[in-house]
Amino acid sequence: MSHDLKMPLLSISGYARILESTDYGWSVQETRKFASIMNEKSFYMIKLLEELTLTFRLKNQALPVAKEQIDINEFIRHIVIQENEKTY
């Protein structure tokens, strides 16, 4: 887990330092590329933390479960129809 969080954070930090440097004038294209990578790494970390939070909540039974009765035949029919529509 530590590695999964550390690597994208180091990448974000590295690109931030590059952009912060006054030793070189970055082009708009380079700046956008760095920003895109930073955004991608940030998104990855957010998703990872959301999964970690969900895992913690499930493990500690802290996730409220809302049960409801459904017609299983209708439910399956709806899923099959949705999957068929995605293939076209």
PDB file of N, CA and C in Angstrom:
ATOM      1  N   MET A   1       0.834  -1.186   0.000  1.00  0.00           N
ATOM      2  CA  MET A   1       0.000   0.000   0.000  1.00  0.00           C
ATOM      3  C   MET A   1       0.880   1.252   0.000  1.00  0.00           C
ATOM      4  N   SER A   2       1.908   1.220   0.813  1.00  0.00           N
ATOM      5  CA  SER A   2       2.806   2.368   0.898  1.00  0.00           C
ATOM      6  C   SER A   2       3.409   2.686  -0.468  1.00  0.00           C
ATOM      7  N   HIS A   3       3.833   1.659  -1.175  1.00  0.00           N
ATOM      8  CA  HIS A   3       4.421   1.838  -2.512  1.00  0.00           C
ATOM      9  C   HIS A   3       3.398   2.425  -3.477  1.00  0.00           C
ATOM     10  N   ASP A   4       2.156   1.928  -3.419  1.00  0.00           N
ATOM     11  CA  ASP A   4       1.106   2.401  -4.329  1.00  0.00           C
ATOM     12  C   ASP A   4       0.780   3.872  -4.129  1.00  0.00           C
ATOM     13  N   LEU A   5       0.964   4.375  -2.922  1.00  0.00           N
ATOM     14  CA  LEU A   5       0.728   5.793  -2.668  1.00  0.00           C
ATOM     15  C   LEU A   5       1.989   6.623  -2.888  1.00  0.00           C
ATOM     16  N   LYS A   6       3.130   6.051  -2.527  1.00  0.00           N
ATOM     17  CA  LYS A   6       4.381   6.802  -2.599  1.00  0.00           C
ATOM     18  C   LYS A   6       4.796   7.120  -4.030  1.00  0.00           C
ATOM     19  N   MET A   7       4.689   6.149  -4.930  1.00  0.00           N
ATOM     20  CA  MET A   7       5.172   6.353  -6.297  1.00  0.00           C
ATOM     21  C   MET A   7       4.432   7.477  -7.043  1.00  0.00           C
ATOM     22  N   PRO A   8       3.110   7.500  -7.045  1.00  0.00           N
ATOM     23  CA  PRO A   8       2.462   8.621  -7.740  1.00  0.00           C
ATOM     24  C   PRO A   8       2.722   9.957  -7.044  1.00  0.00           C
ATOM     25  N   LEU A   9       2.838   9.932  -5.725  1.00  0.00           N
ATOM     26  CA  LEU A   9       3.105  11.172  -4.991  1.00  0.00           C
ATOM     27  C   LEU A   9       4.492  11.705  -5.336  1.00  0.00           C
ATOM     28  N   LEU A  10       5.470  10.818  -5.439  1.00  0.00           N
ATOM     29  CA  LEU A  10       6.823  11.232  -5.843  1.00  0.00           C
ATOM     30  C   LEU A  10       6.819  11.799  -7.260  1.00  0.00           C
ATOM     31  N   SER A  11       6.032  11.182  -8.133  1.00  0.00           N
ATOM     32  CA  SER A  11       5.923  11.674  -9.502  1.00  0.00           C
ATOM     33  C   SER A  11       5.322  13.073  -9.535  1.00  0.00           C
ATOM     34  N   ILE A  12       4.256  13.281  -8.796  1.00  0.00           N
ATOM     35  CA  ILE A  12       3.614  14.596  -8.728  1.00  0.00           C
ATOM     36  C   ILE A  12       4.590  15.621  -8.173  1.00  0.00           C
ATOM     37  N   SER A  13       5.269  15.258  -7.097  1.00  0.00           N
ATOM     38  CA  SER A  13       6.241  16.146  -6.473  1.00  0.00           C
ATOM     39  C   SER A  13       7.369  16.493  -7.439  1.00  0.00           C
ATOM     40  N   GLY A  14       7.859  15.495  -8.165  1.00  0.00           N
ATOM     41  CA  GLY A  14       8.932  15.733  -9.127  1.00  0.00           C
ATOM     42  C   GLY A  14       8.537  16.696 -10.226  1.00  0.00           C
ATOM     43  N   TYR A  15       7.357  16.495 -10.799  1.00  0.00           N
ATOM     44  CA  TYR A  15       6.898  17.397 -11.852  1.00  0.00           C
ATOM     45  C   TYR A  15       6.617  18.797 -11.312  1.00  0.00           C
ATOM     46  N   ALA A  16       6.135  18.889 -10.091  1.00  0.00           N
ATOM     47  CA  ALA A  16       5.911  20.206  -9.477  1.00  0.00           C
ATOM     48  C   ALA A  16       7.240  20.937  -9.318  1.00  0.00           C
ATOM     49  N   ARG A  17       8.277  20.226  -8.905  1.00  0.00           N
ATOM     50  CA  ARG A  17       9.611  20.845  -8.759  1.00  0.00           C
ATOM     51  C   ARG A  17      10.159  21.295 -10.109  1.00  0.00           C
ATOM     52  N   ILE A  18       9.945  20.476 -11.137  1.00  0.00           N
ATOM     53  CA  ILE A  18      10.397  20.844 -12.479  1.00  0.00           C
ATOM     54  C   ILE A  18       9.722  22.142 -12.915  1.00  0.00           C
ATOM     55  N   LEU A  19       8.411  22.204 -12.733  1.00  0.00           N
ATOM     56  CA  LEU A  19       7.665  23.399 -13.139  1.00  0.00           C
ATOM     57  C   LEU A  19       8.053  24.621 -12.317  1.00  0.00           C
ATOM     58  N   GLU A  20       8.437  24.399 -11.087  1.00  0.00           N
ATOM     59  CA  GLU A  20       8.803  25.477 -10.175  1.00  0.00           C
ATOM     60  C   GLU A  20      10.192  26.044 -10.493  1.00  0.00           C
ATOM     61  N   SER A  21      11.025  25.240 -11.134  1.00  0.00           N
ATOM     62  CA  SER A  21      12.402  25.630 -11.417  1.00  0.00           C
ATOM     63  C   SER A  21      12.468  26.840 -12.345  1.00  0.00           C
ATOM     64  N   THR A  22      13.379  27.733 -12.030  1.00  0.00           N
ATOM     65  CA  THR A  22      13.588  28.917 -12.881  1.00  0.00           C
ATOM     66  C   THR A  22      14.758  28.704 -13.836  1.00  0.00           C
ATOM     67  N   ASP A  23      15.353  27.513 -13.821  1.00  0.00           N
ATOM     68  CA  ASP A  23      16.517  27.222 -14.659  1.00  0.00           C
ATOM     69  C   ASP A  23      16.151  27.003 -16.130  1.00  0.00           C
ATOM     70  N   TYR A  24      14.907  26.781 -16.395  1.00  0.00           N
ATOM     71  CA  TYR A  24      14.492  26.484 -17.759  1.00  0.00           C
ATOM     72  C   TYR A  24      13.111  27.065 -18.002  1.00  0.00           C
ATOM     73  N   GLY A  25      12.882  27.576 -19.182  1.00  0.00           N
ATOM     74  CA  GLY A  25      11.561  28.092 -19.551  1.00  0.00           C
ATOM     75  C   GLY A  25      10.783  27.015 -20.276  1.00  0.00           C
ATOM     76  N   TRP A  26       9.767  26.479 -19.644  1.00  0.00           N
ATOM     77  CA  TRP A  26       8.993  25.383 -20.211  1.00  0.00           C
ATOM     78  C   TRP A  26       8.010  25.903 -21.246  1.00  0.00           C
ATOM     79  N   SER A  27       7.871  25.167 -22.325  1.00  0.00           N
ATOM     80  CA  SER A  27       6.901  25.528 -23.356  1.00  0.00           C
ATOM     81  C   SER A  27       5.493  25.213 -22.841  1.00  0.00           C
ATOM     82  N   VAL A  28       4.514  25.751 -23.499  1.00  0.00           N
ATOM     83  CA  VAL A  28       3.120  25.482 -23.137  1.00  0.00           C
ATOM     84  C   VAL A  28       2.836  23.987 -23.281  1.00  0.00           C
ATOM     85  N   GLN A  29       3.359  23.393 -24.349  1.00  0.00           N
ATOM     86  CA  GLN A  29       3.139  21.961 -24.578  1.00  0.00           C
ATOM     87  C   GLN A  29       3.765  21.133 -23.452  1.00  0.00           C
ATOM     88  N   GLU A  30       4.987  21.464 -23.027  1.00  0.00           N
ATOM     89  CA  GLU A  30       5.637  20.743 -21.935  1.00  0.00           C
ATOM     90  C   GLU A  30       4.875  20.920 -20.626  1.00  0.00           C
ATOM     91  N   THR A  31       4.453  22.139 -20.365  1.00  0.00           N
ATOM     92  CA  THR A  31       3.704  22.427 -19.136  1.00  0.00           C
ATOM     93  C   THR A  31       2.412  21.633 -19.091  1.00  0.00           C
ATOM     94  N   ARG A  32       1.717  21.583 -20.218  1.00  0.00           N
ATOM     95  CA  ARG A  32       0.472  20.810 -20.278  1.00  0.00           C
ATOM     96  C   ARG A  32       0.726  19.320 -20.091  1.00  0.00           C
ATOM     97  N   LYS A  33       1.825  18.826 -20.656  1.00  0.00           N
ATOM     98  CA  LYS A  33       2.169  17.411 -20.494  1.00  0.00           C
ATOM     99  C   LYS A  33       2.430  17.110 -19.021  1.00  0.00           C
ATOM    100  N   PHE A  34       3.199  17.953 -18.352  1.00  0.00           N
ATOM    101  CA  PHE A  34       3.480  17.760 -16.928  1.00  0.00           C
ATOM    102  C   PHE A  34       2.196  17.826 -16.109  1.00  0.00           C
ATOM    103  N   ALA A  35       1.347  18.793 -16.426  1.00  0.00           N
ATOM    104  CA  ALA A  35       0.080  18.942 -15.703  1.00  0.00           C
ATOM    105  C   ALA A  35      -0.809  17.722 -15.915  1.00  0.00           C
ATOM    106  N   SER A  36      -0.808  17.191 -17.118  1.00  0.00           N
ATOM    107  CA  SER A  36      -1.611  16.003 -17.417  1.00  0.00           C
ATOM    108  C   SER A  36      -1.133  14.804 -16.603  1.00  0.00           C
ATOM    109  N   ILE A  37       0.186  14.630 -16.524  1.00  0.00           N
ATOM    110  CA  ILE A  37       0.741  13.523 -15.740  1.00  0.00           C
ATOM    111  C   ILE A  37       0.404  13.703 -14.262  1.00  0.00           C
ATOM    112  N   MET A  38       0.537  14.927 -13.762  1.00  0.00           N
ATOM    113  CA  MET A  38       0.220  15.196 -12.357  1.00  0.00           C
ATOM    114  C   MET A  38      -1.255  14.914 -12.080  1.00  0.00           C
ATOM    115  N   ASN A  39      -2.122  15.315 -13.006  1.00  0.00           N
ATOM    116  CA  ASN A  39      -3.550  15.071 -12.858  1.00  0.00           C
ATOM    117  C   ASN A  39      -3.858  13.581 -12.850  1.00  0.00           C
ATOM    118  N   GLU A  40      -3.226  12.841 -13.763  1.00  0.00           N
ATOM    119  CA  GLU A  40      -3.424  11.386 -13.845  1.00  0.00           C
ATOM    120  C   GLU A  40      -2.994  10.699 -12.549  1.00  0.00           C
ATOM    121  N   LYS A  41      -1.833  11.088 -12.033  1.00  0.00           N
ATOM    122  CA  LYS A  41      -1.329  10.490 -10.790  1.00  0.00           C
ATOM    123  C   LYS A  41      -2.221  10.856  -9.610  1.00  0.00           C
ATOM    124  N   SER A  42      -2.715  12.085  -9.585  1.00  0.00           N
ATOM    125  CA  SER A  42      -3.614  12.517  -8.512  1.00  0.00           C
ATOM    126  C   SER A  42      -4.910  11.720  -8.542  1.00  0.00           C
ATOM    127  N   PHE A  43      -5.458  11.532  -9.735  1.00  0.00           N
ATOM    128  CA  PHE A  43      -6.692  10.768  -9.891  1.00  0.00           C
ATOM    129  C   PHE A  43      -6.497   9.339  -9.408  1.00  0.00           C
ATOM    130  N   TYR A  44      -5.346   8.742  -9.752  1.00  0.00           N
ATOM    131  CA  TYR A  44      -5.025   7.386  -9.306  1.00  0.00           C
ATOM    132  C   TYR A  44      -5.002   7.315  -7.779  1.00  0.00           C
ATOM    133  N   MET A  45      -4.383   8.296  -7.154  1.00  0.00           N
ATOM    134  CA  MET A  45      -4.291   8.304  -5.692  1.00  0.00           C
ATOM    135  C   MET A  45      -5.668   8.474  -5.051  1.00  0.00           C
ATOM    136  N   ILE A  46      -6.499   9.324  -5.621  1.00  0.00           N
ATOM    137  CA  ILE A  46      -7.849   9.521  -5.100  1.00  0.00           C
ATOM    138  C   ILE A  46      -8.628   8.216  -5.163  1.00  0.00           C
ATOM    139  N   LYS A  47      -8.565   7.529  -6.304  1.00  0.00           N
ATOM    140  CA  LYS A  47      -9.263   6.252  -6.447  1.00  0.00           C
ATOM    141  C   LYS A  47      -8.731   5.219  -5.457  1.00  0.00           C
ATOM    142  N   LEU A  48      -7.427   5.175  -5.286  1.00  0.00           N
ATOM    143  CA  LEU A  48      -6.808   4.247  -4.353  1.00  0.00           C
ATOM    144  C   LEU A  48      -7.272   4.518  -2.921  1.00  0.00           C
ATOM    145  N   LEU A  49      -7.325   5.787  -2.548  1.00  0.00           N
ATOM    146  CA  LEU A  49      -7.782   6.143  -1.200  1.00  0.00           C
ATOM    147  C   LEU A  49      -9.271   5.847  -1.011  1.00  0.00           C
ATOM    148  N   GLU A  50     -10.062   6.036  -2.060  1.00  0.00           N
ATOM    149  CA  GLU A  50     -11.485   5.683  -1.978  1.00  0.00           C
ATOM    150  C   GLU A  50     -11.655   4.186  -1.760  1.00  0.00           C
ATOM    151  N   GLU A  51     -10.852   3.381  -2.468  1.00  0.00           N
ATOM    152  CA  GLU A  51     -10.916   1.924  -2.296  1.00  0.00           C
ATOM    153  C   GLU A  51     -10.457   1.522  -0.895  1.00  0.00           C
ATOM    154  N   LEU A  52      -9.437   2.181  -0.392  1.00  0.00           N
ATOM    155  CA  LEU A  52      -8.956   1.907   0.960  1.00  0.00           C
ATOM    156  C   LEU A  52     -10.026   2.242   1.995  1.00  0.00           C
ATOM    157  N   THR A  53     -10.692   3.369   1.818  1.00  0.00           N
ATOM    158  CA  THR A  53     -11.764   3.766   2.725  1.00  0.00           C
ATOM    159  C   THR A  53     -12.911   2.765   2.685  1.00  0.00           C
ATOM    160  N   LEU A  54     -13.298   2.346   1.489  1.00  0.00           N
ATOM    161  CA  LEU A  54     -14.374   1.370   1.347  1.00  0.00           C
ATOM    162  C   LEU A  54     -13.992   0.046   2.000  1.00  0.00           C
ATOM    163  N   THR A  55     -12.759  -0.391   1.773  1.00  0.00           N
ATOM    164  CA  THR A  55     -12.282  -1.632   2.389  1.00  0.00           C
ATOM    165  C   THR A  55     -12.341  -1.544   3.909  1.00  0.00           C
ATOM    166  N   PHE A  56     -11.902  -0.432   4.447  1.00  0.00           N
ATOM    167  CA  PHE A  56     -11.941  -0.223   5.894  1.00  0.00           C
ATOM    168  C   PHE A  56     -13.376  -0.270   6.410  1.00  0.00           C
ATOM    169  N   ARG A  57     -14.279   0.415   5.691  1.00  0.00           N
ATOM    170  CA  ARG A  57     -15.674   0.453   6.128  1.00  0.00           C
ATOM    171  C   ARG A  57     -16.319  -0.928   6.054  1.00  0.00           C
ATOM    172  N   LEU A  58     -16.027  -1.677   4.999  1.00  0.00           N
ATOM    173  CA  LEU A  58     -16.580  -3.027   4.876  1.00  0.00           C
ATOM    174  C   LEU A  58     -16.026  -3.940   5.961  1.00  0.00           C
ATOM    175  N   LYS A  59     -14.728  -3.848   6.193  1.00  0.00           N
ATOM    176  CA  LYS A  59     -14.085  -4.696   7.197  1.00  0.00           C
ATOM    177  C   LYS A  59     -14.645  -4.427   8.593  1.00  0.00           C
ATOM    178  N   ASN A  60     -14.965  -3.186   8.879  1.00  0.00           N
ATOM    179  CA  ASN A  60     -15.458  -2.808  10.197  1.00  0.00           C
ATOM    180  C   ASN A  60     -16.985  -2.700  10.249  1.00  0.00           C
ATOM    181  N   GLN A  61     -17.630  -3.223   9.219  1.00  0.00           N
ATOM    182  CA  GLN A  61     -19.093  -3.217   9.129  1.00  0.00           C
ATOM    183  C   GLN A  61     -19.671  -1.824   9.382  1.00  0.00           C
ATOM    184  N   ALA A  62     -18.999  -0.823   8.824  1.00  0.00           N
ATOM    185  CA  ALA A  62     -19.429   0.561   8.991  1.00  0.00           C
ATOM    186  C   ALA A  62     -20.173   1.086   7.765  1.00  0.00           C
ATOM    187  N   LEU A  63     -20.469   0.197   6.854  1.00  0.00           N
ATOM    188  CA  LEU A  63     -21.170   0.590   5.640  1.00  0.00           C
ATOM    189  C   LEU A  63     -22.632   0.202   5.768  1.00  0.00           C
ATOM    190  N   PRO A  64     -23.519   1.175   5.756  1.00  0.00           N
ATOM    191  CA  PRO A  64     -24.937   0.828   5.894  1.00  0.00           C
ATOM    192  C   PRO A  64     -25.434   0.063   4.662  1.00  0.00           C
ATOM    193  N   VAL A  65     -26.178  -0.978   4.925  1.00  0.00           N
ATOM    194  CA  VAL A  65     -26.729  -1.791   3.844  1.00  0.00           C
ATOM    195  C   VAL A  65     -28.227  -1.533   3.771  1.00  0.00           C
ATOM    196  N   ALA A  66     -28.671  -1.129   2.604  1.00  0.00           N
ATOM    197  CA  ALA A  66     -30.095  -0.882   2.394  1.00  0.00           C
ATOM    198  C   ALA A  66     -30.670  -2.064   1.628  1.00  0.00           C
ATOM    199  N   LYS A  67     -31.435  -2.880   2.311  1.00  0.00           N
ATOM    200  CA  LYS A  67     -32.034  -4.058   1.680  1.00  0.00           C
ATOM    201  C   LYS A  67     -33.405  -3.692   1.135  1.00  0.00           C
ATOM    202  N   GLU A  68     -33.724  -4.296  -0.003  1.00  0.00           N
ATOM    203  CA  GLU A  68     -35.046  -4.100  -0.576  1.00  0.00           C
ATOM    204  C   GLU A  68     -35.434  -5.345  -1.358  1.00  0.00           C
ATOM    205  N   GLN A  69     -36.709  -5.606  -1.403  1.00  0.00           N
ATOM    206  CA  GLN A  69     -37.196  -6.744  -2.179  1.00  0.00           C
ATOM    207  C   GLN A  69     -37.344  -6.316  -3.628  1.00  0.00           C
ATOM    208  N   ILE A  70     -36.910  -7.206  -4.515  1.00  0.00           N
ATOM    209  CA  ILE A  70     -37.061  -6.941  -5.943  1.00  0.00           C
ATOM    210  C   ILE A  70     -37.537  -8.202  -6.630  1.00  0.00           C
ATOM    211  N   ASP A  71     -38.074  -8.025  -7.809  1.00  0.00           N
ATOM    212  CA  ASP A  71     -38.449  -9.141  -8.659  1.00  0.00           C
ATOM    213  C   ASP A  71     -37.188  -9.546  -9.416  1.00  0.00           C
ATOM    214  N   ILE A  72     -36.613 -10.679  -9.049  1.00  0.00           N
ATOM    215  CA  ILE A  72     -35.338 -11.112  -9.619  1.00  0.00           C
ATOM    216  C   ILE A  72     -35.417 -11.307 -11.124  1.00  0.00           C
ATOM    217  N   ASN A  73     -36.546 -11.780 -11.623  1.00  0.00           N
ATOM    218  CA  ASN A  73     -36.701 -11.970 -13.066  1.00  0.00           C
ATOM    219  C   ASN A  73     -36.640 -10.634 -13.805  1.00  0.00           C
ATOM    220  N   GLU A  74     -37.318  -9.648 -13.286  1.00  0.00           N
ATOM    221  CA  GLU A  74     -37.317  -8.318 -13.898  1.00  0.00           C
ATOM    222  C   GLU A  74     -35.916  -7.694 -13.813  1.00  0.00           C
ATOM    223  N   PHE A  75     -35.253  -7.883 -12.708  1.00  0.00           N
ATOM    224  CA  PHE A  75     -33.911  -7.358 -12.502  1.00  0.00           C
ATOM    225  C   PHE A  75     -32.936  -7.942 -13.535  1.00  0.00           C
ATOM    226  N   ILE A  76     -32.962  -9.247 -13.705  1.00  0.00           N
ATOM    227  CA  ILE A  76     -32.072  -9.914 -14.663  1.00  0.00           C
ATOM    228  C   ILE A  76     -32.421  -9.505 -16.091  1.00  0.00           C
ATOM    229  N   ARG A  77     -33.732  -9.418 -16.392  1.00  0.00           N
ATOM    230  CA  ARG A  77     -34.158  -8.992 -17.730  1.00  0.00           C
ATOM    231  C   ARG A  77     -33.614  -7.602 -18.046  1.00  0.00           C
ATOM    232  N   HIS A  78     -33.677  -6.707 -17.088  1.00  0.00           N
ATOM    233  CA  HIS A  78     -33.179  -5.342 -17.258  1.00  0.00           C
ATOM    234  C   HIS A  78     -31.669  -5.344 -17.527  1.00  0.00           C
ATOM    235  N   ILE A  79     -30.923  -6.149 -16.804  1.00  0.00           N
ATOM    236  CA  ILE A  79     -29.472  -6.232 -16.991  1.00  0.00           C
ATOM    237  C   ILE A  79     -29.144  -6.783 -18.379  1.00  0.00           C
ATOM    238  N   VAL A  80     -29.847  -7.824 -18.794  1.00  0.00           N
ATOM    239  CA  VAL A  80     -29.598  -8.419 -20.108  1.00  0.00           C
ATOM    240  C   VAL A  80     -29.887  -7.407 -21.213  1.00  0.00           C
ATOM    241  N   ILE A  81     -30.957  -6.667 -21.084  1.00  0.00           N
ATOM    242  CA  ILE A  81     -31.301  -5.648 -22.086  1.00  0.00           C
ATOM    243  C   ILE A  81     -30.211  -4.578 -22.142  1.00  0.00           C
ATOM    244  N   GLN A  82     -29.734  -4.124 -20.981  1.00  0.00           N
ATOM    245  CA  GLN A  82     -28.676  -3.113 -20.945  1.00  0.00           C
ATOM    246  C   GLN A  82     -27.409  -3.620 -21.619  1.00  0.00           C
ATOM    247  N   GLU A  83     -27.009  -4.861 -21.351  1.00  0.00           N
ATOM    248  CA  GLU A  83     -25.802  -5.414 -21.935  1.00  0.00           C
ATOM    249  C   GLU A  83     -25.941  -5.541 -23.443  1.00  0.00           C
ATOM    250  N   ASN A  84     -27.118  -5.929 -23.908  1.00  0.00           N
ATOM    251  CA  ASN A  84     -27.341  -6.042 -25.352  1.00  0.00           C
ATOM    252  C   ASN A  84     -27.264  -4.683 -26.033  1.00  0.00           C
ATOM    253  N   GLU A  85     -27.749  -3.640 -25.368  1.00  0.00           N
ATOM    254  CA  GLU A  85     -27.699  -2.287 -25.941  1.00  0.00           C
ATOM    255  C   GLU A  85     -26.271  -1.776 -26.021  1.00  0.00           C
ATOM    256  N   LYS A  86     -25.408  -2.196 -25.101  1.00  0.00           N
ATOM    257  CA  LYS A  86     -24.012  -1.745 -25.109  1.00  0.00           C
ATOM    258  C   LYS A  86     -23.235  -2.337 -26.280  1.00  0.00           C
ATOM    259  N   THR A  87     -23.630  -3.485 -26.739  1.00  0.00           N
ATOM    260  CA  THR A  87     -22.888  -4.148 -27.814  1.00  0.00           C
ATOM    261  C   THR A  87     -23.214  -3.571 -29.176  1.00  0.00           C
ATOM    262  N   TYR A  88     -24.224  -2.774 -29.283  1.00  0.00           N
ATOM    263  CA  TYR A  88     -24.617  -2.203 -30.586  1.00  0.00           C
ATOM    264  C   TYR A  88     -24.177  -0.802 -30.722  1.00  0.00           C
TER     265      TYR A  88
END
